[in-house]
């Protein structure tokens, strides 16, 4: 915005206690050593398919993604002979059992490759379920005979993977239990609310004999060619820190993507009188209204609450970059059709919990770096990404303290996806820290018992990112109309400028990715700039 209006004054009102919002930075201290974790946005995913605008912004704030090939040790876990594993809990499967996968295989991404005879034989599941796993892995059966490839795609799109397994492949229920939570980290729901076609595209087994009409997706080739390595130790919180540095250099010392990780932010510089750019934290907006008729008004009044007191500011324009579902409540002047479109989005809740451990010797002894737990409170548990840059060094020795990552998606299987998201958000709101703490201790103690792990001694700190992290609502084809024109998507209708108020956030794109947030911010800024230029 300031590129187009060099003398503009900008006030950012942020309801969080830190800038970055969803891109939350978690800090831990281990004997004077700083350890970092990510509480929200994880990585710069597939930057090769970013728009020119998003690529340009990364370059402008100093991010050269090619450097991650040096900073991310892609051979680290292979060199330590650590592979992903699955934990079967006694409540769901009758006994506690940790099964480690073959070296080099990643069961969370491709269970089909993970399931060899030795592992399947050790799984605490029914004998019929074992046979079904082999069928899923090996058999090339068309489970929807008589359909054309396009009809097969459409049928799979409107069939959940759970129903596909039970009603078409006819597997034992234990197989469903095994797969249920595999989509949690991507879609925030289980296989009961993810289409069979989506699961097919993600590498789930059972489709060798299915003839499906593929549809080309823009940027897919670039995404496939790039490894998942573009990760700062604090996730995309470093992207937010670099943005702050670009706007307020005195608030974030340094001059590179390497030094920003360890830079100490000066929060007293964020909101200084006389500055053309001010970032005001802990400021919750409760109203945004035009100063007069929305069609002719030349200013917008924004009311916010800080430290329990209401304040009002007036500006030439306003960009609402918050959770889009809240905008109708904050901007009551909007037409009902736009309010309905904005309210259509429901954040997809999931909890990133980071745990500081005394060391990661138990993981090394067990030979695993990531655990999928289909029946447990937390479904995914991982050692951190092996990234070292600048003065920040990844704990490369098993004897060093480290941060591990645990994921929980509070969905409610059996409901439609959006209803699961609403119910899950309410559960999060009502869940105290003690519940997360108890489950962290219980689950780590049981999973890592064979490696000598003692929760009472080995767990040093826990940070639960309960609320900042939730995905933008992505249009789930299992529940949404097929082939709906882009212009008719609620996010497109909802993001239309209203007078001098523009709408941003990744919600406005229906994609829970950093580049979507950048692109939508760029669009909103250009809309506001055009409105202001036309009014001169």
Protein backbone atom coordinates (compact mmCIF):
# COMPACT_ATOMS: atom_id res chain seq x y z
CA UNK A 1 0.00 0.00 0.00
CA UNK A 2 2.83 2.38 0.84
CA UNK A 3 4.45 1.62 -2.51
CA UNK A 4 1.45 3.26 -4.16
CA UNK A 5 0.98 5.89 -1.43
CA UNK A 6 4.42 6.79 -0.12
CA UNK A 7 3.09 9.28 2.41
CA UNK A 8 0.26 7.09 3.68
CA UNK A 9 -0.17 6.46 7.38
CA UNK A 10 -1.07 2.87 8.26
CA UNK A 11 -2.38 1.45 11.54
CA UNK A 12 -2.49 -2.33 11.97
CA UNK A 13 -4.87 -3.46 14.73
CA UNK A 14 -4.04 -7.00 15.86
CA UNK A 15 -6.10 -8.78 18.50
CA UNK A 16 -3.22 -11.17 19.30
CA UNK A 17 -0.48 -10.60 21.85
CA UNK A 18 2.12 -10.98 19.10
CA UNK A 19 2.25 -10.10 15.43
CA UNK A 20 1.85 -12.87 12.88
CA UNK A 21 -1.45 -14.23 14.19
CA UNK A 22 -1.74 -17.75 12.80
CA UNK A 23 2.06 -17.82 12.27
CA UNK A 24 2.84 -18.20 15.97
CA UNK A 25 6.37 -18.44 17.35
CA UNK A 26 7.00 -20.66 20.40
CA UNK A 27 10.19 -20.06 22.41
CA UNK A 28 11.74 -22.44 24.93
CA UNK A 29 14.83 -22.09 27.11
CA UNK A 30 17.07 -25.08 27.78
CA UNK A 31 19.96 -24.10 30.03
CA UNK A 32 20.39 -20.76 28.30
CA UNK A 33 19.89 -22.20 24.82
CA UNK A 34 16.96 -20.98 22.76
CA UNK A 35 14.78 -23.68 21.21
CA UNK A 36 12.04 -22.74 18.77
CA UNK A 37 8.78 -24.30 17.63
CA UNK A 38 5.96 -23.30 15.33
CA UNK A 39 2.50 -22.80 16.74
CA UNK A 40 0.75 -22.26 13.43
CA UNK A 41 1.81 -21.83 9.82
CA UNK A 42 4.46 -24.47 9.28
CA UNK A 43 6.36 -23.84 6.06
CA UNK A 44 6.61 -22.08 2.73
CA UNK A 45 5.04 -24.92 0.80
CA UNK A 46 5.92 -25.41 -2.87
CA UNK A 47 7.17 -21.85 -3.53
CA UNK A 48 7.68 -22.74 -7.18
CA UNK A 49 3.93 -22.53 -7.72
CA UNK A 50 3.53 -19.21 -5.89
CA UNK A 51 2.16 -16.31 -7.90
CA UNK A 52 4.57 -13.65 -9.13
CA UNK A 53 3.19 -11.37 -6.42
CA UNK A 54 3.86 -13.87 -3.63
CA UNK A 55 7.31 -14.75 -4.98
CA UNK A 56 8.10 -11.06 -5.26
CA UNK A 57 7.11 -10.38 -1.66
CA UNK A 58 9.33 -13.18 -0.36
CA UNK A 59 12.27 -11.78 -2.32
CA UNK A 60 11.54 -8.24 -1.19
CA UNK A 61 11.64 -9.13 2.51
CA UNK A 62 14.86 -11.08 2.00
CA UNK A 63 13.83 -14.72 1.62
CA UNK A 64 15.80 -16.76 -0.90
CA UNK A 65 14.12 -20.17 -0.81
CA UNK A 66 17.10 -21.81 -2.53
CA UNK A 67 19.11 -21.41 0.67
CA UNK A 68 16.92 -23.95 2.44
CA UNK A 69 18.58 -26.68 0.39
CA UNK A 70 21.67 -25.87 2.47
CA UNK A 71 19.97 -25.21 5.80
CA UNK A 72 17.61 -28.23 5.81
CA UNK A 73 19.46 -31.53 6.29
CA UNK A 74 17.41 -33.85 4.09
CA UNK A 75 19.56 -36.85 5.04
CA UNK A 76 19.51 -36.30 8.80
CA UNK A 77 16.91 -38.86 9.85
CA UNK A 78 18.02 -41.37 7.26
CA UNK A 79 21.58 -41.10 8.59
CA UNK A 80 20.29 -41.78 12.10
CA UNK A 81 18.20 -44.72 10.80
CA UNK A 82 14.96 -43.14 12.02
CA UNK A 83 11.71 -43.90 10.22
CA UNK A 84 8.02 -43.13 10.80
CA UNK A 85 5.93 -45.50 12.89
CA UNK A 86 2.37 -46.27 13.99
CA UNK A 87 1.19 -46.49 17.59
CA UNK A 88 -1.77 -48.74 18.36
CA UNK A 89 -3.43 -47.82 21.67
CA UNK A 90 -5.10 -50.35 23.93
CA UNK A 91 -8.39 -48.44 24.14
CA UNK A 92 -8.89 -48.70 20.36
CA UNK A 93 -6.92 -51.80 19.34
CA UNK A 94 -6.75 -53.87 22.54
CA UNK A 95 -3.07 -53.34 23.37
CA UNK A 96 -0.37 -50.66 23.25
CA UNK A 97 2.05 -51.37 20.41
CA UNK A 98 4.52 -49.20 18.48
CA UNK A 99 5.42 -50.53 15.03
CA UNK A 100 8.29 -48.88 13.18
CA UNK A 101 8.18 -48.70 9.40
CA UNK A 102 10.74 -49.75 6.86
CA UNK A 103 13.73 -47.48 6.41
CA UNK A 104 12.99 -44.77 3.89
CA UNK A 105 9.23 -45.23 3.84
CA UNK A 106 6.78 -42.64 5.14
CA UNK A 107 3.55 -44.29 6.28
CA UNK A 108 1.83 -40.99 6.96
CA UNK A 109 2.09 -40.12 3.28
CA UNK A 110 1.83 -43.55 1.70
CA UNK A 111 0.62 -46.42 3.85
CA UNK A 112 0.48 -48.57 0.72
CA UNK A 113 4.29 -48.58 0.60
CA UNK A 114 4.59 -49.01 4.36
CA UNK A 115 2.57 -52.20 4.72
CA UNK A 116 4.87 -55.17 4.36
CA UNK A 117 3.97 -58.62 5.62
CA UNK A 118 6.07 -58.41 8.78
CA UNK A 119 4.45 -55.21 9.96
CA UNK A 120 0.92 -56.27 9.12
CA UNK A 121 1.47 -59.51 11.01
CA UNK A 122 2.41 -57.52 14.12
CA UNK A 123 -0.60 -55.20 14.04
CA UNK A 124 -3.13 -55.82 16.84
CA UNK A 125 -6.07 -56.11 14.44
CA UNK A 126 -8.48 -58.85 13.39
CA UNK A 127 -7.23 -61.53 10.98
CA UNK A 128 -9.83 -60.46 8.45
CA UNK A 129 -8.44 -56.92 8.63
CA UNK A 130 -4.94 -58.23 7.84
CA UNK A 131 -6.24 -59.90 4.72
CA UNK A 132 -8.05 -56.69 3.77
CA UNK A 133 -4.85 -54.67 4.08
CA UNK A 134 -3.15 -57.02 1.65
CA UNK A 135 -6.11 -56.68 -0.73
CA UNK A 136 -5.91 -52.91 -0.55
CA UNK A 137 -2.20 -53.02 -1.19
CA UNK A 138 -2.04 -55.59 -3.96
CA UNK A 139 -5.35 -56.11 -5.76
CA UNK A 140 -6.21 -54.18 -8.92
CA UNK A 141 -10.00 -54.29 -8.62
CA UNK A 142 -12.48 -51.84 -10.09
CA UNK A 143 -14.81 -51.36 -7.14
CA UNK A 144 -17.21 -49.25 -9.21
CA UNK A 145 -17.61 -51.30 -12.39
CA UNK A 146 -19.61 -50.10 -15.35
CA UNK A 147 -18.72 -46.42 -15.00
CA UNK A 148 -16.73 -44.28 -17.38
CA UNK A 149 -13.50 -42.71 -16.06
CA UNK A 150 -15.28 -39.36 -15.62
CA UNK A 151 -18.25 -41.01 -13.90
CA UNK A 152 -15.84 -42.89 -11.63
CA UNK A 153 -14.15 -39.64 -10.65
CA UNK A 154 -17.51 -38.03 -9.89
CA UNK A 155 -18.69 -41.04 -7.85
CA UNK A 156 -15.45 -41.19 -5.86
CA UNK A 157 -15.70 -37.46 -5.23
CA UNK A 158 -19.14 -37.87 -3.67
CA UNK A 159 -18.18 -40.98 -1.66
CA UNK A 160 -16.21 -40.69 1.56
CA UNK A 161 -13.12 -42.87 1.82
CA UNK A 162 -14.72 -44.53 4.85
CA UNK A 163 -17.79 -45.50 2.82
CA UNK A 164 -15.59 -46.58 -0.07
CA UNK A 165 -13.70 -48.96 2.22
CA UNK A 166 -16.77 -50.33 4.01
CA UNK A 167 -19.33 -50.46 1.20
CA UNK A 168 -17.26 -50.98 -1.94
CA UNK A 169 -14.05 -52.71 -0.84
CA UNK A 170 -15.95 -54.25 2.10
CA UNK A 171 -13.11 -54.19 4.62
CA UNK A 172 -13.18 -55.12 8.29
CA UNK A 173 -13.91 -52.16 10.65
CA UNK A 174 -10.37 -52.40 12.05
CA UNK A 175 -9.08 -51.14 8.71
CA UNK A 176 -11.25 -48.04 9.04
CA UNK A 177 -9.87 -47.46 12.54
CA UNK A 178 -6.36 -47.59 11.13
CA UNK A 179 -6.99 -45.02 8.40
CA UNK A 180 -9.49 -42.77 10.21
CA UNK A 181 -7.15 -39.98 11.32
CA UNK A 182 -4.68 -40.01 8.45
CA UNK A 183 -6.19 -36.90 6.78
CA UNK A 184 -6.32 -34.91 10.03
CA UNK A 185 -3.22 -32.80 9.41
CA UNK A 186 -4.38 -31.74 5.95
CA UNK A 187 -8.17 -31.58 6.19
CA UNK A 188 -8.92 -31.42 9.94
CA UNK A 189 -11.41 -34.30 9.60
CA UNK A 190 -11.09 -38.06 9.23
CA UNK A 191 -11.85 -40.36 6.33
CA UNK A 192 -15.57 -40.16 7.10
CA UNK A 193 -15.55 -36.57 5.79
CA UNK A 194 -12.89 -36.71 3.06
CA UNK A 195 -13.78 -37.95 -0.39
CA UNK A 196 -12.41 -41.19 -1.76
CA UNK A 197 -11.10 -39.28 -4.76
CA UNK A 198 -9.15 -36.90 -2.53
CA UNK A 199 -7.68 -39.85 -0.64
CA UNK A 200 -6.79 -41.49 -3.95
CA UNK A 201 -4.90 -38.35 -4.97
CA UNK A 202 -3.10 -38.35 -1.61
CA UNK A 203 -1.79 -41.90 -2.14
CA UNK A 204 -4.22 -43.92 -0.01
CA UNK A 205 -4.52 -47.56 -1.13
CA UNK A 206 -7.38 -49.32 -2.89
CA UNK A 207 -7.41 -47.63 -6.28
CA UNK A 208 -5.05 -49.69 -8.44
CA UNK A 209 -7.93 -51.02 -10.51
CA UNK A 210 -9.95 -47.80 -10.64
CA UNK A 211 -10.00 -45.99 -13.97
CA UNK A 212 -10.36 -42.31 -13.18
CA UNK A 213 -10.42 -39.26 -15.42
CA UNK A 214 -7.69 -37.04 -14.03
CA UNK A 215 -7.98 -33.28 -13.98
CA UNK A 216 -4.97 -31.05 -14.37
CA UNK A 217 -4.24 -28.79 -11.45
CA UNK A 218 -2.23 -25.63 -11.90
CA UNK A 219 1.23 -25.76 -10.40
CA UNK A 220 1.03 -29.45 -9.51
CA UNK A 221 4.23 -30.28 -11.37
CA UNK A 222 6.20 -27.58 -9.54
CA UNK A 223 4.79 -28.81 -6.24
CA UNK A 224 5.84 -32.40 -6.96
CA UNK A 225 9.35 -31.35 -7.92
CA UNK A 226 10.02 -29.41 -4.73
CA UNK A 227 10.80 -31.13 -1.42
CA UNK A 228 9.06 -30.02 1.77
CA UNK A 229 12.10 -28.21 3.17
CA UNK A 230 11.29 -24.49 3.08
CA UNK A 231 10.94 -24.20 6.81
CA UNK A 232 12.17 -21.70 9.40
CA UNK A 233 12.69 -23.08 12.94
CA UNK A 234 9.68 -21.03 14.09
CA UNK A 235 7.66 -21.78 10.97
CA UNK A 236 6.36 -18.81 9.04
CA UNK A 237 6.62 -16.64 12.13
CA UNK A 238 9.96 -15.66 10.58
CA UNK A 239 8.07 -14.50 7.50
CA UNK A 240 5.97 -12.26 9.75
CA UNK A 241 9.12 -11.02 11.49
CA UNK A 242 10.67 -10.13 8.14
CA UNK A 243 7.50 -8.26 7.18
CA UNK A 244 7.74 -6.26 10.41
CA UNK A 245 11.40 -5.53 9.66
CA UNK A 246 10.44 -4.21 6.22
CA UNK A 247 7.80 -1.92 7.73
CA UNK A 248 9.57 -0.96 10.98
CA UNK A 249 13.31 -1.73 10.71
CA UNK A 250 14.00 -0.40 14.20
CA UNK A 251 11.63 -3.01 15.70
CA UNK A 252 13.46 -6.02 14.24
CA UNK A 253 17.26 -5.64 14.12
CA UNK A 254 19.28 -7.35 11.42
CA UNK A 255 19.32 -7.55 7.65
CA UNK A 256 18.91 -11.16 6.51
CA UNK A 257 16.67 -14.22 6.59
CA UNK A 258 19.39 -15.91 8.62
CA UNK A 259 19.62 -13.39 11.44
CA UNK A 260 15.87 -12.83 11.83
CA UNK A 261 15.46 -16.21 13.54
CA UNK A 262 17.49 -15.15 16.58
CA UNK A 263 16.76 -11.42 16.39
CA UNK A 264 15.22 -9.91 19.52
CA UNK A 265 12.18 -7.87 18.56
CA UNK A 266 11.77 -4.47 20.20
CA UNK A 267 8.05 -4.35 20.88
CA UNK A 268 8.27 -0.77 22.14
CA UNK A 269 8.95 0.28 18.53
CA UNK A 270 5.80 -1.22 17.05
CA UNK A 271 3.39 1.53 18.02
CA UNK A 272 5.23 4.83 18.35
CA UNK A 273 3.61 8.23 18.07
CA UNK A 274 4.63 10.02 14.89
CA UNK A 275 5.44 6.83 12.97
CA UNK A 276 3.78 6.42 9.57
CA UNK A 277 3.32 2.70 10.26
CA UNK A 278 2.06 1.50 13.64
CA UNK A 279 1.25 -2.04 14.78
CA UNK A 280 -1.02 -2.13 17.83
CA UNK A 281 -1.25 -5.51 19.56
CA UNK A 282 -3.96 -6.79 21.92
CA UNK A 283 -6.45 -4.59 20.06
CA UNK A 284 -9.73 -6.33 19.25
CA UNK A 285 -11.84 -4.60 16.61
CA UNK A 286 -15.56 -4.64 17.41
CA UNK A 287 -16.92 -2.36 14.67
CA UNK A 288 -16.02 -0.94 11.26
CA UNK A 289 -18.54 1.53 9.82
CA UNK A 290 -18.46 4.23 7.19
CA UNK A 291 -18.62 7.81 8.41
CA UNK A 292 -21.83 8.40 6.50
CA UNK A 293 -23.46 6.62 3.58
CA UNK A 294 -21.24 3.69 2.42
CA UNK A 295 -21.67 4.80 -1.19
CA UNK A 296 -20.38 8.32 -0.66
CA UNK A 297 -18.48 8.36 2.64
CA UNK A 298 -14.84 9.37 2.48
CA UNK A 299 -13.79 7.80 5.78
CA UNK A 300 -14.27 4.67 7.90
CA UNK A 301 -14.63 4.58 11.69
CA UNK A 302 -13.09 1.57 13.41
CA UNK A 303 -13.80 0.84 17.08
CA UNK A 304 -11.53 -1.51 19.01
CA UNK A 305 -10.94 -2.59 22.60
CA UNK A 306 -7.52 -2.40 24.26
CA UNK A 307 -6.97 -3.26 27.94
CA UNK A 308 -10.72 -3.32 28.50
CA UNK A 309 -11.31 0.18 27.10
CA UNK A 310 -12.94 1.07 23.75
CA UNK A 311 -11.20 3.38 21.29
CA UNK A 312 -12.19 4.75 17.90
CA UNK A 313 -9.93 5.60 14.96
CA UNK A 314 -10.87 7.09 11.60
CA UNK A 315 -9.16 6.40 8.30
CA UNK A 316 -9.61 6.93 4.59
CA UNK A 317 -10.12 3.19 4.11
CA UNK A 318 -10.00 -0.11 5.98
CA UNK A 319 -8.89 -3.65 5.12
CA UNK A 320 -10.53 -6.39 7.18
CA UNK A 321 -7.89 -9.15 7.20
CA UNK A 322 -9.47 -11.13 10.03
CA UNK A 323 -11.42 -14.38 10.13
CA UNK A 324 -13.96 -13.69 7.38
CA UNK A 325 -16.83 -15.25 9.31
CA UNK A 326 -16.57 -12.39 11.83
CA UNK A 327 -16.80 -9.59 9.26
CA UNK A 328 -20.65 -9.55 9.09
CA UNK A 329 -20.74 -8.85 12.83
CA UNK A 330 -18.12 -6.11 12.58
CA UNK A 331 -19.56 -4.48 9.45
CA UNK A 332 -23.35 -4.56 9.92
CA UNK A 333 -23.91 -2.13 7.02
CA UNK A 334 -22.97 -4.78 4.45
CA UNK A 335 -25.70 -6.23 2.21
CA UNK A 336 -27.16 -9.53 3.38
CA UNK A 337 -25.88 -11.48 0.37
CA UNK A 338 -22.30 -10.52 1.19
CA UNK A 339 -22.80 -11.26 4.88
CA UNK A 340 -24.10 -14.72 4.03
CA UNK A 341 -21.13 -15.39 1.78
CA UNK A 342 -18.64 -14.29 4.44
CA UNK A 343 -20.38 -16.36 7.12
CA UNK A 344 -20.10 -19.46 4.92
CA UNK A 345 -16.45 -19.94 5.91
CA UNK A 346 -15.74 -21.90 9.09
CA UNK A 347 -12.18 -22.12 10.37
CA UNK A 348 -10.95 -25.71 10.47
CA UNK A 349 -9.59 -26.20 14.01
CA UNK A 350 -6.47 -28.09 14.93
CA UNK A 351 -4.07 -27.76 17.83
CA UNK A 352 -0.31 -27.61 17.51
CA UNK A 353 1.28 -28.56 20.84
CA UNK A 354 5.04 -28.19 21.25
CA UNK A 355 6.88 -30.05 24.00
CA UNK A 356 10.41 -29.42 25.19
CA UNK A 357 12.16 -32.69 26.05
CA UNK A 358 15.32 -33.26 28.06
CA UNK A 359 16.66 -35.19 25.05
CA UNK A 360 15.43 -37.34 22.17
CA UNK A 361 17.24 -40.54 23.11
CA UNK A 362 13.99 -42.52 23.32
CA UNK A 363 13.21 -41.74 19.68
CA UNK A 364 16.69 -42.85 18.64
CA UNK A 365 16.48 -46.10 20.63
CA UNK A 366 13.10 -46.90 19.08
CA UNK A 367 14.31 -45.93 15.60
CA UNK A 368 11.53 -43.46 14.84
CA UNK A 369 11.21 -39.74 14.09
CA UNK A 370 7.43 -39.54 13.52
CA UNK A 371 4.48 -41.43 14.98
CA UNK A 372 0.96 -41.77 13.62
CA UNK A 373 -1.49 -42.65 16.43
CA UNK A 374 -4.90 -43.44 14.89
CA UNK A 375 -6.71 -43.99 18.19
CA UNK A 376 -5.00 -41.52 20.50
CA UNK A 377 -5.73 -37.97 21.65
CA UNK A 378 -2.91 -36.61 19.48
CA UNK A 379 -2.84 -38.20 16.03
CA UNK A 380 0.60 -37.09 14.83
CA UNK A 381 3.84 -36.77 16.79
CA UNK A 382 7.10 -35.68 15.18
CA UNK A 383 10.62 -34.65 15.96
CA UNK A 384 11.33 -31.18 14.65
CA UNK A 385 12.51 -30.37 11.14
CA UNK A 386 16.34 -30.64 10.93
CA UNK A 387 16.94 -26.98 10.04
CA UNK A 388 19.92 -24.87 11.10
CA UNK A 389 20.43 -21.33 9.84
CA UNK A 390 22.24 -18.31 11.11
CA UNK A 391 23.07 -18.72 14.80
CA UNK A 392 20.23 -21.20 15.35
CA UNK A 393 21.35 -24.81 15.43
CA UNK A 394 19.06 -27.82 15.32
CA UNK A 395 19.70 -30.26 18.24
CA UNK A 396 21.56 -32.83 16.17
CA UNK A 397 22.64 -35.10 19.02
CA UNK A 398 20.10 -37.40 20.75
CA UNK A 399 21.53 -36.23 24.07
CA UNK A 400 20.55 -32.61 23.42
CA UNK A 401 17.26 -31.02 24.54
CA UNK A 402 14.76 -30.67 21.74
CA UNK A 403 11.23 -29.64 20.82
CA UNK A 404 8.76 -32.18 19.49
CA UNK A 405 5.46 -31.46 17.80
CA UNK A 406 2.07 -33.05 18.57
CA UNK A 407 -1.11 -32.46 16.57
CA UNK A 408 -4.73 -32.85 17.61
CA UNK A 409 -7.77 -32.25 15.43
CA UNK A 410 -10.93 -32.00 17.58
CA UNK A 411 -13.35 -33.19 14.92
CA UNK A 412 -16.58 -35.11 15.48
CA UNK A 413 -16.83 -38.08 13.08
CA UNK A 414 -20.24 -38.67 11.58
CA UNK A 415 -21.20 -35.04 11.05
CA UNK A 416 -20.76 -33.01 7.88
CA UNK A 417 -17.33 -31.37 7.73
CA UNK A 418 -18.48 -27.84 8.60
CA UNK A 419 -20.48 -29.14 11.56
CA UNK A 420 -17.41 -31.02 12.74
CA UNK A 421 -15.40 -27.81 12.56
CA UNK A 422 -17.97 -25.90 14.60
CA UNK A 423 -18.18 -28.65 17.22
CA UNK A 424 -14.40 -28.90 17.35
CA UNK A 425 -13.97 -25.17 17.86
CA UNK A 426 -16.39 -25.31 20.76
CA UNK A 427 -14.49 -28.25 22.26
CA UNK A 428 -11.25 -26.27 22.06
CA UNK A 429 -12.86 -23.30 23.73
CA UNK A 430 -13.97 -25.51 26.63
CA UNK A 431 -10.79 -27.60 27.02
CA UNK A 432 -8.42 -26.51 29.82
CA UNK A 433 -4.64 -26.72 29.61
CA UNK A 434 -4.67 -29.54 32.18
CA UNK A 435 -6.43 -31.83 29.71
CA UNK A 436 -3.74 -31.31 27.09
CA UNK A 437 -1.00 -31.70 29.69
CA UNK A 438 -2.43 -34.97 30.99
CA UNK A 439 -2.72 -36.40 27.49
CA UNK A 440 0.80 -35.31 26.55
CA UNK A 441 2.23 -37.14 29.58
CA UNK A 442 0.06 -40.23 29.11
CA UNK A 443 0.55 -40.61 25.38
CA UNK A 444 4.30 -39.94 25.26
CA UNK A 445 4.83 -42.23 28.24
CA UNK A 446 3.03 -45.10 26.55
CA UNK A 447 4.37 -44.60 23.03
CA UNK A 448 8.02 -44.14 24.02
CA UNK A 449 8.10 -46.57 26.95
CA UNK A 450 10.23 -49.02 25.00
CA UNK A 451 12.89 -46.33 24.57
CA UNK A 452 13.20 -45.65 28.29
CA UNK A 453 11.14 -42.46 28.23
CA UNK A 454 9.98 -41.12 31.60
CA UNK A 455 7.39 -38.31 31.28
CA UNK A 456 8.08 -37.01 34.78
CA UNK A 457 11.78 -36.52 34.03
CA UNK A 458 11.93 -36.00 30.28
CA UNK A 459 9.13 -33.47 29.68
CA UNK A 460 10.42 -29.99 30.54
CA UNK A 461 7.84 -27.63 29.04
CA UNK A 462 4.56 -27.68 27.11
CA UNK A 463 3.06 -24.96 24.91
CA UNK A 464 -0.46 -25.52 23.57
CA UNK A 465 -1.42 -23.35 20.60
CA UNK A 466 -5.14 -23.74 21.11
CA UNK A 467 -6.68 -20.92 19.15
CA UNK A 468 -4.26 -19.10 16.81
CA UNK A 469 -4.02 -22.10 14.52
CA UNK A 470 -6.92 -22.99 12.27
CA UNK A 471 -7.04 -23.54 8.54
CA UNK A 472 -9.04 -21.36 6.20
CA UNK A 473 -12.18 -23.17 5.07
CA UNK A 474 -11.34 -25.13 1.94
CA UNK A 475 -14.19 -26.27 -0.23
CA UNK A 476 -14.61 -29.97 0.51
CA UNK A 477 -15.84 -31.64 -2.69
CA UNK A 478 -17.63 -34.33 -0.69
CA UNK A 479 -20.09 -31.71 0.59
CA UNK A 480 -19.80 -28.87 -1.94
CA UNK A 481 -21.38 -28.63 -5.42
CA UNK A 482 -19.26 -30.20 -8.13
CA UNK A 483 -17.73 -27.91 -10.75
CA UNK A 484 -19.10 -24.71 -9.22
CA UNK A 485 -17.81 -21.68 -11.17
CA UNK A 486 -15.14 -19.77 -9.28
CA UNK A 487 -17.20 -16.59 -9.49
CA UNK A 488 -19.98 -18.27 -7.49
CA UNK A 489 -17.82 -19.47 -4.61
CA UNK A 490 -18.84 -17.79 -1.35
CA UNK A 491 -15.29 -16.59 -0.72
CA UNK A 492 -15.32 -14.69 -4.02
CA UNK A 493 -18.70 -13.11 -3.32
CA UNK A 494 -17.71 -12.29 0.25
CA UNK A 495 -14.44 -10.54 -0.62
CA UNK A 496 -16.00 -7.89 -2.82
CA UNK A 497 -15.08 -4.37 -1.66
CA UNK A 498 -17.83 -2.62 0.27
CA UNK A 499 -17.51 1.13 0.03
CA UNK A 500 -14.10 1.90 1.52
CA UNK A 501 -13.83 -1.47 3.26
CA UNK A 502 -11.86 -4.27 1.56
CA UNK A 503 -11.60 -7.92 2.65
CA UNK A 504 -8.41 -10.00 2.86
CA UNK A 505 -7.16 -13.15 4.71
CA UNK A 506 -6.60 -16.62 3.22
CA UNK A 507 -10.31 -17.20 3.91
CA UNK A 508 -10.92 -14.94 0.91
CA UNK A 509 -9.20 -17.50 -1.32
CA UNK A 510 -10.58 -20.66 0.28
CA UNK A 511 -7.00 -21.95 0.63
CA UNK A 512 -5.11 -22.35 3.90
CA UNK A 513 -1.70 -21.38 2.56
CA UNK A 514 0.69 -18.47 3.00
CA UNK A 515 0.70 -17.56 -0.68
CA UNK A 516 -3.11 -17.33 -0.60
CA UNK A 517 -2.90 -14.82 2.25
CA UNK A 518 -0.30 -12.80 0.33
CA UNK A 519 -2.33 -12.80 -2.89
CA UNK A 520 -5.51 -11.77 -1.12
CA UNK A 521 -3.71 -9.01 0.76
CA UNK A 522 -2.34 -7.72 -2.54
CA UNK A 523 -5.79 -7.75 -4.11
CA UNK A 524 -7.34 -5.89 -1.17
CA UNK A 525 -4.60 -3.25 -1.19
CA UNK A 526 -5.11 -2.63 -4.90
CA UNK A 527 -8.85 -2.32 -4.39
CA UNK A 528 -8.34 0.29 -1.68
CA UNK A 529 -5.75 2.14 -3.76
CA UNK A 530 -8.17 2.29 -6.70
CA UNK A 531 -10.96 3.60 -4.45
CA UNK A 532 -8.73 6.32 -3.04
CA UNK A 533 -7.40 7.28 -6.48
CA UNK A 534 -10.92 7.57 -7.88
CA UNK A 535 -11.94 9.84 -5.02
CA UNK A 536 -9.20 12.40 -5.64
